[in-house]
C-alpha atoms as a PDB file:
ATOM      1  CA  MET A   1     -27.894  99.071 210.162  1.00  0.00           C
ATOM      2  CA  GLU A   2     -25.435 102.018 209.782  1.00  0.00           C
ATOM      3  CA  SER A   3     -23.010 100.167 211.968  1.00  0.00           C
ATOM      4  CA  TRP A   4     -23.292  97.119 209.742  1.00  0.00           C
ATOM      5  CA  HIS A   5     -22.809  99.122 206.705  1.00  0.00           C
ATOM      6  CA  GLY A   6     -19.820 100.914 208.235  1.00  0.00           C
ATOM      7  CA  LEU A   7     -18.308  97.618 209.328  1.00  0.00           C
ATOM      8  CA  ARG A   8     -18.818  96.162 205.924  1.00  0.00           C
ATOM      9  CA  PHE A   9     -17.352  99.170 204.190  1.00  0.00           C
ATOM     10  CA  SER A  10     -14.306  99.070 206.524  1.00  0.00           C
ATOM     11  CA  ALA A  11     -13.915  95.306 205.822  1.00  0.00           C
ATOM     12  CA  VAL A  12     -14.158  95.891 202.006  1.00  0.00           C
ATOM     13  CA  GLN A  13     -11.791  98.759 202.209  1.00  0.00           C
ATOM     14  CA  GLY A  14      -9.373  96.739 204.313  1.00  0.00           C
ATOM     15  CA  PHE A  15      -9.600  93.848 201.797  1.00  0.00           C
ATOM     16  CA  ARG A  16      -9.153  96.177 198.955  1.00  0.00           C
ATOM     17  CA  SER A  17      -6.113  97.897 200.529  1.00  0.00           C
ATOM     18  CA  THR A  18      -4.703  94.375 201.327  1.00  0.00           C
ATOM     19  CA  TYR A  19      -5.315  93.220 197.850  1.00  0.00           C
ATOM     20  CA  ASP A  20      -3.988  96.393 196.280  1.00  0.00           C
ATOM     21  CA  LYS A  21      -0.833  96.148 198.386  1.00  0.00           C
ATOM     22  CA  LEU A  22      -0.389  92.479 197.477  1.00  0.00           C
ATOM     23  CA  HIS A  23      -1.049  93.371 193.843  1.00  0.00           C
ATOM     24  CA  ASP A  24       1.396  96.219 194.023  1.00  0.00           C
ATOM     25  CA  GLU A  25       4.068  93.953 195.583  1.00  0.00           C
ATOM     26  CA  GLU A  26       3.621  91.430 192.882  1.00  0.00           C
ATOM     27  CA  ARG A  27       3.628  94.114 190.156  1.00  0.00           C
ATOM     28  CA  LEU A  28       6.745  95.668 191.582  1.00  0.00           C
ATOM     29  CA  GLU A  29       8.439  92.316 191.990  1.00  0.00           C
ATOM     30  CA  PHE A  30       7.376  91.438 188.315  1.00  0.00           C
ATOM     31  CA  GLU A  31       8.911  94.668 187.152  1.00  0.00           C
ATOM     32  CA  SER A  32      12.013  94.164 189.180  1.00  0.00           C
ATOM     33  CA  VAL A  33      12.498  90.705 187.695  1.00  0.00           C
ATOM     34  CA  SER A  34      11.861  92.083 184.277  1.00  0.00           C
ATOM     35  CA  GLU A  35      14.245  94.924 184.672  1.00  0.00           C
ATOM     36  CA  SER A  36      16.970  92.608 186.163  1.00  0.00           C
ATOM     37  CA  ARG A  37      16.486  90.317 183.197  1.00  0.00           C
ATOM     38  CA  GLN A  38      16.781  93.143 180.732  1.00  0.00           C
ATOM     39  CA  ARG A  39      19.973  94.457 182.555  1.00  0.00           C
ATOM     40  CA  ARG A  40      21.421  90.868 182.298  1.00  0.00           C
ATOM     41  CA  GLU A  41      20.621  90.689 178.545  1.00  0.00           C
ATOM     42  CA  ILE A  42      22.218  94.006 177.857  1.00  0.00           C
ATOM     43  CA  SER A  43      25.303  93.058 179.918  1.00  0.00           C
ATOM     44  CA  TRP A  44      25.579  89.856 177.853  1.00  0.00           C
ATOM     45  CA  ASP A  45      25.207  91.904 174.611  1.00  0.00           C
ATOM     46  CA  LEU A  46      28.043  94.160 175.706  1.00  0.00           C
ATOM     47  CA  VAL A  47      30.197  91.132 176.494  1.00  0.00           C
ATOM     48  CA  ILE A  48      29.451  89.633 173.092  1.00  0.00           C
ATOM     49  CA  ILE A  49      30.264  92.816 171.357  1.00  0.00           C
ATOM     50  CA  VAL A  50      33.518  93.254 173.295  1.00  0.00           C
ATOM     51  CA  VAL A  51      34.552  89.641 172.466  1.00  0.00           C
ATOM     52  CA  LEU A  52      33.723  90.033 168.786  1.00  0.00           C
ATOM     53  CA  LEU A  53      35.505  93.385 168.548  1.00  0.00           C
ATOM     54  CA  TYR A  54      38.595  91.818 170.264  1.00  0.00           C
ATOM     55  CA  THR A  55      38.420  88.853 167.964  1.00  0.00           C
ATOM     56  CA  LEU A  56      38.129  90.968 164.845  1.00  0.00           C
ATOM     57  CA  GLU A  57      40.466  93.698 165.971  1.00  0.00           C
ATOM     58  CA  PRO A  58      43.297  92.403 163.680  1.00  0.00           C
ATOM     59  CA  LEU A  59      41.031  92.685 160.574  1.00  0.00           C
ATOM     60  CA  ILE A  60      39.712  96.011 161.645  1.00  0.00           C
ATOM     61  CA  THR A  61      43.232  97.362 162.120  1.00  0.00           C
ATOM     62  CA  LEU A  62      44.298  95.859 158.808  1.00  0.00           C
ATOM     63  CA  LEU A  63      41.429  97.647 156.985  1.00  0.00           C
ATOM     64  CA  CYS A  64      42.054 100.959 158.635  1.00  0.00           C
ATOM     65  CA  LEU A  65      45.858 100.942 158.441  1.00  0.00           C
ATOM     66  CA  ASN A  66      46.356  99.188 155.147  1.00  0.00           C
ATOM     67  CA  GLU A  67      47.433 102.258 153.268  1.00  0.00           C
ATOM     68  CA  GLN A  68      49.880 103.175 156.021  1.00  0.00           C
ATOM     69  CA  LEU A  69      51.454  99.732 156.388  1.00  0.00           C
ATOM     70  CA  PHE A  70      51.225  98.113 153.014  1.00  0.00           C
ATOM     71  CA  SER A  71      51.253 100.916 150.427  1.00  0.00           C
ATOM     72  CA  PRO A  72      54.140 100.253 148.029  1.00  0.00           C
ATOM     73  CA  ARG A  73      57.191 102.215 149.129  1.00  0.00           C
ATOM     74  CA  VAL A  74      59.896 100.336 147.206  1.00  0.00           C
ATOM     75  CA  THR A  75      60.654 101.048 143.538  1.00  0.00           C
ATOM     76  CA  LEU A  76      62.361  98.193 141.681  1.00  0.00           C
ATOM     77  CA  PRO A  77      65.418  99.199 139.668  1.00  0.00           C
ATOM     78  CA  SER A  78      66.030  98.290 136.099  1.00  0.00           C
ATOM     79  CA  PRO A  79      66.585  94.588 135.305  1.00  0.00           C
ATOM     80  CA  SER A  80      70.358  94.657 135.625  1.00  0.00           C
ATOM     81  CA  VAL A  81      72.205  92.428 138.206  1.00  0.00           C
ATOM     82  CA  SER A  82      75.583  92.668 139.675  1.00  0.00           C
ATOM     83  CA  TYR A  83      76.600  90.246 142.429  1.00  0.00           C
ATOM     84  CA  THR A  84      79.732  89.824 144.632  1.00  0.00           C
ATOM     85  CA  ALA A  85      82.004  86.848 144.231  1.00  0.00           C
ATOM     86  CA  ASN A  86      81.031  85.276 147.578  1.00  0.00           C
ATOM     87  CA  GLY A  87      77.396  84.648 146.478  1.00  0.00           C
ATOM     88  CA  THR A  88      75.844  87.307 148.654  1.00  0.00           C
ATOM     89  CA  VAL A  89      73.824  90.325 147.627  1.00  0.00           C
ATOM     90  CA  LYS A  90      75.894  93.459 148.110  1.00  0.00           C
ATOM     91  CA  SER A  91      73.858  95.731 150.391  1.00  0.00           C
ATOM     92  CA  ASN A  92      71.617  93.529 152.541  1.00  0.00           C
ATOM     93  CA  ARG A  93      73.126  90.094 152.940  1.00  0.00           C
ATOM     94  CA  ILE A  94      70.452  88.248 150.948  1.00  0.00           C
ATOM     95  CA  PRO A  95      71.993  84.822 149.923  1.00  0.00           C
ATOM     96  CA  LEU A  96      71.777  83.859 146.269  1.00  0.00           C
ATOM     97  CA  VAL A  97      69.469  80.971 146.878  1.00  0.00           C
ATOM     98  CA  LEU A  98      66.223  80.371 144.904  1.00  0.00           C
ATOM     99  CA  HIS A  99      63.448  78.259 146.639  1.00  0.00           C
ATOM    100  CA  GLN A 100      60.436  76.571 145.026  1.00  0.00           C
ATOM    101  CA  THR A 101      58.067  73.985 146.209  1.00  0.00           C
ATOM    102  CA  THR A 102      56.252  71.012 144.591  1.00  0.00           C
ATOM    103  CA  ALA A 103      54.689  67.765 145.878  1.00  0.00           C
ATOM    104  CA  THR A 104      57.203  65.391 144.192  1.00  0.00           C
ATOM    105  CA  GLU A 105      60.203  65.404 142.054  1.00  0.00           C
ATOM    106  CA  GLU A 106      58.031  64.800 139.167  1.00  0.00           C
ATOM    107  CA  ILE A 107      57.171  68.264 138.000  1.00  0.00           C
ATOM    108  CA  PRO A 108      53.651  68.709 136.498  1.00  0.00           C
ATOM    109  CA  LYS A 109      53.797  69.435 132.735  1.00  0.00           C
ATOM    110  CA  ARG A 110      52.206  72.923 133.100  1.00  0.00           C
ATOM    111  CA  TRP A 111      54.960  73.894 135.474  1.00  0.00           C
ATOM    112  CA  ILE A 112      58.111  72.551 133.558  1.00  0.00           C
ATOM    113  CA  GLN A 113      58.480  75.755 131.363  1.00  0.00           C
ATOM    114  CA  PRO A 114      58.043  78.187 134.207  1.00  0.00           C
ATOM    115  CA  GLN A 115      60.517  76.112 136.336  1.00  0.00           C
ATOM    116  CA  GLN A 116      63.144  76.017 133.587  1.00  0.00           C
ATOM    117  CA  SER A 117      62.783  79.760 132.996  1.00  0.00           C
ATOM    118  CA  CYS A 118      63.421  80.545 136.602  1.00  0.00           C
ATOM    119  CA  LYS A 119      66.382  78.242 136.949  1.00  0.00           C
ATOM    120  CA  LYS A 120      67.787  79.984 133.797  1.00  0.00           C
ATOM    121  CA  ALA A 121      67.041  83.505 135.035  1.00  0.00           C
ATOM    122  CA  TYR A 122      68.706  82.682 138.404  1.00  0.00           C
ATOM    123  CA  SER A 123      71.506  80.564 137.074  1.00  0.00           C
ATOM    124  CA  GLU A 124      73.928  82.198 139.555  1.00  0.00           C
ATOM    125  CA  PHE A 125      71.718  81.177 142.451  1.00  0.00           C
ATOM    126  CA  GLU A 126      71.723  77.964 144.325  1.00  0.00           C
ATOM    127  CA  TYR A 127      68.444  76.094 143.405  1.00  0.00           C
ATOM    128  CA  LYS A 128      66.505  74.409 146.044  1.00  0.00           C
ATOM    129  CA  LEU A 129      63.403  72.391 145.140  1.00  0.00           C
ATOM    130  CA  TRP A 130      61.357  71.467 148.240  1.00  0.00           C
ATOM    131  CA  THR A 131      59.121  68.407 147.823  1.00  0.00           C
ATOM    132  CA  ASP A 132      56.940  67.025 150.486  1.00  0.00           C
ATOM    133  CA  ASP A 133      59.566  64.402 151.420  1.00  0.00           C
ATOM    134  CA  SER A 134      62.619  66.766 151.444  1.00  0.00           C
ATOM    135  CA  ALA A 135      60.623  69.509 153.353  1.00  0.00           C
ATOM    136  CA  ARG A 136      59.563  67.037 156.018  1.00  0.00           C
ATOM    137  CA  LYS A 137      63.098  65.740 156.348  1.00  0.00           C
ATOM    138  CA  PHE A 138      64.326  69.300 156.759  1.00  0.00           C
ATOM    139  CA  LEU A 139      61.756  70.071 159.441  1.00  0.00           C
ATOM    140  CA  SER A 140      62.476  66.810 161.272  1.00  0.00           C
ATOM    141  CA  GLU A 141      66.188  67.757 161.414  1.00  0.00           C
ATOM    142  CA  HIS A 142      65.759  71.445 162.356  1.00  0.00           C
ATOM    143  CA  TYR A 143      62.243  72.100 163.541  1.00  0.00           C
ATOM    144  CA  SER A 144      60.954  68.834 164.784  1.00  0.00           C
ATOM    145  CA  TRP A 145      58.357  70.532 167.018  1.00  0.00           C
ATOM    146  CA  PHE A 146      56.514  71.478 163.875  1.00  0.00           C
ATOM    147  CA  VAL A 147      56.260  68.085 162.288  1.00  0.00           C
ATOM    148  CA  PRO A 148      53.007  66.818 164.030  1.00  0.00           C
ATOM    149  CA  ILE A 149      51.298  70.085 162.664  1.00  0.00           C
ATOM    150  CA  TRP A 150      52.882  69.615 159.179  1.00  0.00           C
ATOM    151  CA  ASP A 151      51.539  65.964 159.105  1.00  0.00           C
ATOM    152  CA  ASN A 152      48.066  66.917 160.190  1.00  0.00           C
ATOM    153  CA  TYR A 153      47.403  69.907 157.878  1.00  0.00           C
ATOM    154  CA  ALA A 154      44.031  69.459 156.105  1.00  0.00           C
ATOM    155  CA  PHE A 155      45.248  70.605 152.661  1.00  0.00           C
ATOM    156  CA  PRO A 156      48.591  70.226 150.723  1.00  0.00           C
ATOM    157  CA  ILE A 157      48.783  73.950 150.099  1.00  0.00           C
ATOM    158  CA  GLN A 158      49.249  74.549 153.833  1.00  0.00           C
ATOM    159  CA  ARG A 159      52.342  72.507 153.738  1.00  0.00           C
ATOM    160  CA  ALA A 160      53.598  74.400 150.719  1.00  0.00           C
ATOM    161  CA  ASP A 161      52.835  77.669 152.364  1.00  0.00           C
ATOM    162  CA  SER A 162      54.494  76.939 155.745  1.00  0.00           C
ATOM    163  CA  ILE A 163      57.593  75.465 154.410  1.00  0.00           C
ATOM    164  CA  ARG A 164      58.549  78.646 152.492  1.00  0.00           C
ATOM    165  CA  TYR A 165      58.529  80.513 155.793  1.00  0.00           C
ATOM    166  CA  PHE A 166      60.909  78.034 157.436  1.00  0.00           C
ATOM    167  CA  VAL A 167      63.388  77.912 154.529  1.00  0.00           C
ATOM    168  CA  LEU A 168      63.453  81.653 154.102  1.00  0.00           C
ATOM    169  CA  TYR A 169      64.045  81.980 157.917  1.00  0.00           C
ATOM    170  CA  HIS A 170      66.731  79.269 157.833  1.00  0.00           C
ATOM    171  CA  PHE A 171      68.541  79.914 154.575  1.00  0.00           C
ATOM    172  CA  GLY A 172      67.312  83.282 153.382  1.00  0.00           C
ATOM    173  CA  GLY A 173      67.078  84.052 149.585  1.00  0.00           C
ATOM    174  CA  ILE A 174      64.168  84.240 147.143  1.00  0.00           C
ATOM    175  CA  TYR A 175      61.017  82.183 147.025  1.00  0.00           C
ATOM    176  CA  ILE A 176      58.971  82.001 143.816  1.00  0.00           C
ATOM    177  CA  ASP A 177      55.799  80.086 143.162  1.00  0.00           C
ATOM    178  CA  MET A 178      56.029  77.263 140.527  1.00  0.00           C
ATOM    179  CA  ASP A 179      53.343  78.912 138.275  1.00  0.00           C
ATOM    180  CA  THR A 180      55.558  81.924 137.709  1.00  0.00           C
ATOM    181  CA  VAL A 181      57.617  82.601 134.522  1.00  0.00           C
ATOM    182  CA  CYS A 182      60.833  84.314 135.296  1.00  0.00           C
ATOM    183  CA  ASN A 183      61.843  86.799 132.660  1.00  0.00           C
ATOM    184  CA  SER A 184      64.879  88.336 134.440  1.00  0.00           C
ATOM    185  CA  THR A 185      66.762  88.260 137.712  1.00  0.00           C
ATOM    186  CA  LEU A 186      65.118  90.364 140.407  1.00  0.00           C
ATOM    187  CA  PRO A 187      67.770  92.975 141.223  1.00  0.00           C
ATOM    188  CA  VAL A 188      67.575  92.527 145.005  1.00  0.00           C
ATOM    189  CA  HIS A 189      71.154  93.803 145.407  1.00  0.00           C
ATOM    190  CA  ASN A 190      69.873  97.398 145.244  1.00  0.00           C
ATOM    191  CA  LEU A 191      67.152  96.984 147.739  1.00  0.00           C
ATOM    192  CA  GLY A 192      67.256  97.825 151.521  1.00  0.00           C
ATOM    193  CA  SER A 193      69.513  99.890 153.452  1.00  0.00           C
ATOM    194  CA  PRO A 194      73.199  99.027 154.152  1.00  0.00           C
ATOM    195  CA  LYS A 195      72.612 100.276 157.803  1.00  0.00           C
ATOM    196  CA  VAL A 196      70.278  97.341 158.616  1.00  0.00           C
ATOM    197  CA  LYS A 197      71.384  93.676 158.966  1.00  0.00           C
ATOM    198  CA  ASN A 198      67.988  92.122 157.987  1.00  0.00           C
ATOM    199  CA  TYR A 199      65.809  92.871 155.062  1.00  0.00           C
ATOM    200  CA  ALA A 200      62.606  91.316 153.696  1.00  0.00           C
ATOM    201  CA  LEU A 201      60.605  92.275 150.532  1.00  0.00           C
ATOM    202  CA  PHE A 202      56.973  91.683 149.955  1.00  0.00           C
ATOM    203  CA  LYS A 203      54.454  92.127 147.100  1.00  0.00           C
ATOM    204  CA  SER A 204      51.332  94.021 147.720  1.00  0.00           C
ATOM    205  CA  THR A 205      47.996  92.498 146.834  1.00  0.00           C
ATOM    206  CA  ARG A 206      44.329  93.533 146.676  1.00  0.00           C
ATOM    207  CA  PRO A 207      42.173  94.367 148.473  1.00  0.00           C
ATOM    208  CA  THR A 208      44.490  94.586 151.341  1.00  0.00           C
ATOM    209  CA  GLY A 209      47.908  93.350 152.753  1.00  0.00           C
ATOM    210  CA  ILE A 210      50.567  91.333 150.907  1.00  0.00           C
ATOM    211  CA  THR A 211      50.804  88.036 149.089  1.00  0.00           C
ATOM    212  CA  ASN A 212      53.242  85.155 149.551  1.00  0.00           C
ATOM    213  CA  ASP A 213      53.866  83.994 146.065  1.00  0.00           C
ATOM    214  CA  LEU A 214      57.116  85.954 145.666  1.00  0.00           C
ATOM    215  CA  LEU A 215      59.244  86.589 148.823  1.00  0.00           C
ATOM    216  CA  VAL A 216      62.682  87.933 149.406  1.00  0.00           C
ATOM    217  CA  ALA A 217      64.493  87.748 152.803  1.00  0.00           C
ATOM    218  CA  SER A 218      67.798  87.676 154.608  1.00  0.00           C
ATOM    219  CA  PRO A 219      68.222  84.611 156.890  1.00  0.00           C
ATOM    220  CA  ARG A 220      66.966  84.734 160.426  1.00  0.00           C
ATOM    221  CA  HIS A 221      64.695  87.680 159.679  1.00  0.00           C
ATOM    222  CA  PRO A 222      62.561  88.535 162.729  1.00  0.00           C
ATOM    223  CA  ILE A 223      59.400  88.524 160.534  1.00  0.00           C
ATOM    224  CA  TYR A 224      59.963  84.948 159.615  1.00  0.00           C
ATOM    225  CA  ALA A 225      60.891  83.997 163.210  1.00  0.00           C
ATOM    226  CA  SER A 226      57.506  85.427 164.181  1.00  0.00           C
ATOM    227  CA  ALA A 227      55.722  83.705 161.344  1.00  0.00           C
ATOM    228  CA  ILE A 228      57.014  80.223 162.096  1.00  0.00           C
ATOM    229  CA  SER A 229      56.245  80.767 165.831  1.00  0.00           C
ATOM    230  CA  LYS A 230      52.696  81.675 165.154  1.00  0.00           C
ATOM    231  CA  LEU A 231      51.834  78.947 162.719  1.00  0.00           C
ATOM    232  CA  PRO A 232      50.636  76.518 165.522  1.00  0.00           C
ATOM    233  CA  ALA A 233      48.196  79.131 166.999  1.00  0.00           C
ATOM    234  CA  TYR A 234      46.759  79.945 163.561  1.00  0.00           C
ATOM    235  CA  ASN A 235      46.431  76.262 162.810  1.00  0.00           C
ATOM    236  CA  LEU A 236      44.572  75.700 166.008  1.00  0.00           C
ATOM    237  CA  LEU A 237      42.216  78.560 165.183  1.00  0.00           C
ATOM    238  CA  THR A 238      41.207  77.150 161.893  1.00  0.00           C
ATOM    239  CA  GLN A 239      41.519  73.353 162.087  1.00  0.00           C
ATOM    240  CA  GLY A 240      37.985  72.793 163.536  1.00  0.00           C
ATOM    241  CA  TRP A 241      36.304  74.379 160.448  1.00  0.00           C
ATOM    242  CA  ALA A 242      38.993  74.031 157.751  1.00  0.00           C
ATOM    243  CA  ARG A 243      37.093  71.452 155.645  1.00  0.00           C
ATOM    244  CA  LEU A 244      33.875  73.534 155.806  1.00  0.00           C
ATOM    245  CA  GLN A 245      35.409  76.689 154.510  1.00  0.00           C
ATOM    246  CA  PRO A 246      38.713  75.659 152.828  1.00  0.00           C
ATOM    247  CA  TYR A 247      39.642  79.020 151.270  1.00  0.00           C
ATOM    248  CA  GLY A 248      39.175  81.006 154.498  1.00  0.00           C
ATOM    249  CA  ALA A 249      41.001  78.495 156.584  1.00  0.00           C
ATOM    250  CA  ILE A 250      43.979  78.256 154.177  1.00  0.00           C
ATOM    251  CA  MET A 251      44.286  82.064 153.934  1.00  0.00           C
ATOM    252  CA  ILE A 252      44.155  82.527 157.728  1.00  0.00           C
ATOM    253  CA  SER A 253      46.256  79.483 158.803  1.00  0.00           C
ATOM    254  CA  THR A 254      49.188  79.735 156.382  1.00  0.00           C
ATOM    255  CA  GLY A 255      48.359  81.810 153.341  1.00  0.00           C
ATOM    256  CA  PRO A 256      48.625  85.536 152.374  1.00  0.00           C
ATOM    257  CA  LEU A 257      46.299  86.717 155.131  1.00  0.00           C
ATOM    258  CA  PHE A 258      48.342  84.880 157.762  1.00  0.00           C
ATOM    259  CA  LEU A 259      51.614  86.524 156.510  1.00  0.00           C
ATOM    260  CA  THR A 260      49.865  89.835 156.250  1.00  0.00           C
ATOM    261  CA  MET A 261      48.897  89.695 160.052  1.00  0.00           C
ATOM    262  CA  VAL A 262      52.415  88.655 160.997  1.00  0.00           C
ATOM    263  CA  VAL A 263      53.955  91.628 159.043  1.00  0.00           C
ATOM    264  CA  LYS A 264      51.334  93.970 160.320  1.00  0.00           C
ATOM    265  CA  ASP A 265      52.184  93.142 163.994  1.00  0.00           C
ATOM    266  CA  TYR A 266      55.931  93.503 163.258  1.00  0.00           C
ATOM    267  CA  LEU A 267      55.555  96.945 161.703  1.00  0.00           C
ATOM    268  CA  LEU A 268      53.156  98.193 164.365  1.00  0.00           C
ATOM    269  CA  GLU A 269      55.570  97.092 167.113  1.00  0.00           C
ATOM    270  CA  SER A 270      58.771  97.948 165.496  1.00  0.00           C
ATOM    271  CA  SER A 271      60.849 101.154 165.764  1.00  0.00           C
ATOM    272  CA  SER A 272      61.521 103.417 162.680  1.00  0.00           C
ATOM    273  CA  LEU A 273      64.831 101.681 162.177  1.00  0.00           C
ATOM    274  CA  GLN A 274      63.366  98.254 162.226  1.00  0.00           C
ATOM    275  CA  SER A 275      60.684  99.310 159.761  1.00  0.00           C
ATOM    276  CA  ASN A 276      63.386  99.867 157.293  1.00  0.00           C
ATOM    277  CA  THR A 277      64.080  96.075 157.392  1.00  0.00           C
ATOM    278  CA  ALA A 278      60.789  95.355 155.522  1.00  0.00           C
ATOM    279  CA  GLY A 279      59.737  96.737 152.095  1.00  0.00           C
ATOM    280  CA  VAL A 280      56.664  96.526 149.951  1.00  0.00           C
ATOM    281  CA  PHE A 281      56.449  96.878 146.192  1.00  0.00           C
ATOM    282  CA  ASN A 282      53.616  97.052 143.682  1.00  0.00           C
ATOM    283  CA  GLN A 283      52.965  93.832 141.842  1.00  0.00           C
ATOM    284  CA  THR A 284      52.643  95.855 138.564  1.00  0.00           C
ATOM    285  CA  GLU A 285      56.337  96.636 138.748  1.00  0.00           C
ATOM    286  CA  LEU A 286      57.207  92.907 138.343  1.00  0.00           C
ATOM    287  CA  ALA A 287      56.313  92.847 134.595  1.00  0.00           C
ATOM    288  CA  PRO A 288      59.944  93.089 133.586  1.00  0.00           C
ATOM    289  CA  TYR A 289      61.023  90.303 135.922  1.00  0.00           C
ATOM    290  CA  THR A 290      58.108  87.742 136.219  1.00  0.00           C
ATOM    291  CA  THR A 291      54.877  86.690 134.556  1.00  0.00           C
ATOM    292  CA  ASP A 292      52.327  85.182 136.982  1.00  0.00           C
ATOM    293  CA  LEU A 293      50.348  82.441 135.319  1.00  0.00           C
ATOM    294  CA  GLY A 294      47.867  82.641 138.187  1.00  0.00           C
ATOM    295  CA  SER A 295      46.905  78.915 138.083  1.00  0.00           C
ATOM    296  CA  SER A 296      45.597  78.954 141.639  1.00  0.00           C
ATOM    297  CA  THR A 297      45.364  75.173 141.723  1.00  0.00           C
ATOM    298  CA  TRP A 298      44.317  75.123 145.370  1.00  0.00           C
ATOM    299  CA  HIS A 299      41.268  77.328 144.909  1.00  0.00           C
ATOM    300  CA  ARG A 300      37.885  75.730 145.346  1.00  0.00           C
ATOM    301  CA  ALA A 301      34.317  76.892 144.677  1.00  0.00           C
ATOM    302  CA  ASP A 302      34.241  78.970 147.815  1.00  0.00           C
ATOM    303  CA  ALA A 303      37.319  81.000 146.638  1.00  0.00           C
ATOM    304  CA  ARG A 304      35.469  82.807 143.928  1.00  0.00           C
ATOM    305  CA  MET A 305      32.805  84.187 146.190  1.00  0.00           C
ATOM    306  CA  LEU A 306      35.216  85.277 148.782  1.00  0.00           C
ATOM    307  CA  LEU A 307      37.524  86.866 146.221  1.00  0.00           C
ATOM    308  CA  TRP A 308      34.511  88.768 144.848  1.00  0.00           C
ATOM    309  CA  ILE A 309      33.644  90.063 148.311  1.00  0.00           C
ATOM    310  CA  GLY A 310      37.256  90.839 148.957  1.00  0.00           C
ATOM    311  CA  GLU A 311      37.283  93.332 146.056  1.00  0.00           C
ATOM    312  CA  ARG A 312      34.457  95.261 147.707  1.00  0.00           C
ATOM    313  CA  PRO A 313      35.533  96.569 151.150  1.00  0.00           C
ATOM    314  CA  TRP A 314      32.037  98.227 151.799  1.00  0.00           C
ATOM    315  CA  LEU A 315      30.543  94.771 151.572  1.00  0.00           C
ATOM    316  CA  TRP A 316      32.955  93.618 154.356  1.00  0.00           C
ATOM    317  CA  PHE A 317      31.463  96.159 156.828  1.00  0.00           C
ATOM    318  CA  THR A 318      27.926  95.404 155.772  1.00  0.00           C
ATOM    319  CA  LEU A 319      28.305  91.639 156.231  1.00  0.00           C
ATOM    320  CA  GLY A 320      30.052  92.270 159.407  1.00  0.00           C
ATOM    321  CA  ALA A 321      27.323  94.349 160.897  1.00  0.00           C
ATOM    322  CA  PHE A 322      24.771  91.741 159.787  1.00  0.00           C
ATOM    323  CA  VAL A 323      26.728  88.950 161.256  1.00  0.00           C
ATOM    324  CA  LEU A 324      27.077  90.874 164.491  1.00  0.00           C
ATOM    325  CA  LEU A 325      23.409  91.421 164.802  1.00  0.00           C
ATOM    326  CA  ALA A 326      22.673  87.826 163.824  1.00  0.00           C
ATOM    327  CA  VAL A 327      25.057  86.503 166.512  1.00  0.00           C
ATOM    328  CA  LEU A 328      23.629  88.855 169.256  1.00  0.00           C
ATOM    329  CA  TYR A 329      20.052  87.775 168.451  1.00  0.00           C
ATOM    330  CA  MET A 330      20.927  83.990 168.559  1.00  0.00           C
ATOM    331  CA  VAL A 331      22.957  84.406 171.728  1.00  0.00           C
ATOM    332  CA  ASP A 332      20.118  86.263 173.382  1.00  0.00           C
ATOM    333  CA  ARG A 333      17.624  83.597 172.493  1.00  0.00           C
ATOM    334  CA  LEU A 334      19.950  80.904 173.721  1.00  0.00           C
ATOM    335  CA  LEU A 335      20.650  82.757 177.024  1.00  0.00           C
ATOM    336  CA  LEU A 336      16.903  83.166 177.612  1.00  0.00           C
ATOM    337  CA  LEU A 337      16.266  79.546 177.066  1.00  0.00           C
ATOM    338  CA  VAL A 338      19.150  78.488 179.461  1.00  0.00           C
ATOM    339  CA  CYS A 339      18.238  81.063 182.122  1.00  0.00           C
ATOM    340  CA  ALA A 340      14.604  80.007 182.082  1.00  0.00           C
ATOM    341  CA  ARG A 341      15.603  76.708 183.409  1.00  0.00           C
ATOM    342  CA  PHE A 342      17.582  77.950 186.335  1.00  0.00           C
ATOM    343  CA  ARG A 343      15.475  80.761 187.616  1.00  0.00           C
ATOM    344  CA  LYS A 344      11.795  81.308 188.447  1.00  0.00           C
ATOM    345  CA  GLY A 345       9.659  83.588 186.217  1.00  0.00           C
ATOM    346  CA  PRO A 346       6.886  85.905 187.465  1.00  0.00           C
ATOM    347  CA  SER A 347       4.206  83.347 187.133  1.00  0.00           C
ATOM    348  CA  ASP A 348       6.151  81.034 189.581  1.00  0.00           C
ATOM    349  CA  ILE A 349       6.519  83.912 191.992  1.00  0.00           C
ATOM    350  CA  GLN A 350       2.798  84.643 191.892  1.00  0.00           C
ATOM    351  CA  GLY A 351       1.969  81.007 192.357  1.00  0.00           C
ATOM    352  CA  ILE A 352       4.177  80.929 195.482  1.00  0.00           C
ATOM    353  CA  LYS A 353       2.525  83.983 196.943  1.00  0.00           C
ATOM    354  CA  LEU A 354      -1.042  82.554 196.426  1.00  0.00           C
ATOM    355  CA  ASP A 355       0.020  79.412 197.993  1.00  0.00           C
ATOM    356  CA  LYS A 356       1.230  81.353 201.096  1.00  0.00           C
ATOM    357  CA  GLU A 357      -1.987  83.389 201.217  1.00  0.00           C
ATOM    358  CA  ALA A 358      -4.039  80.186 201.068  1.00  0.00           C
END
């Protein structure tokens, strides 16, 4: 009897040890799979964070360096103008050319008086009115590579934005929006340094960067060379969602934010001498020279919300953090669903082991 009990005890112990060993193996393999899955999820999270930070790096840099790059450092002189006889600004070779844009030769009534005021104030300048037809013809003759992009822009304002960069690069001079009343001639002859060949002047805007409603430049300025070369890439970046978020797409593809990014890159990459080729002034200094009617005819319903957010930089960071967390969560869920279809979970492993034991 004692032998039977001893034999049964040994058998039970042997079964328990075998069971415990099998159980421990399954538990360890389950923990190994879980840890491996967690490591993969953490790796994917890090990849997503790196990609997002890389994508948003220009905006982050802009917010951090806005004061350094775009704080007004040019003071406009008094409204008195003196030009040379050959039609060129004395110190920085800015041609006496005034550019404006409109859809057709027929000027909307609300813009007739502002247009006439600018033609009067800049009577010594050559006046160039760029319509959709004349602008396209100009591009076809000199920059034919851009015509397909021009034709396929989602919004007319993108054509109005982009053509100003081309004509300023090609001809130089001054560009002024049609909804601007000109009180006096901008005294650009006193701006810039005589030591530099190129010069461009920009107007600061809130909450960050520069605007593109008034621009001054010498021809073939590197900033505008960079701007026209980057238009295709920024269009490609926004064309897929342009009609879903018009204001954001316009600002990024051709508008003030686009130009701000171009100038930011130029200033960060340029030497101290080159940085003297670009100036920024405060828009409040324009009062003696222009009155901005601020019609913003291209603004849609989404613009009001984004402008309200734009005035509150702290909200940018809060929304950015929220969006980052939301994206990480959604990508995690998606990866779990995808990976579940291509790898076996712990229950599958246990089922295979039980089949082998049977």
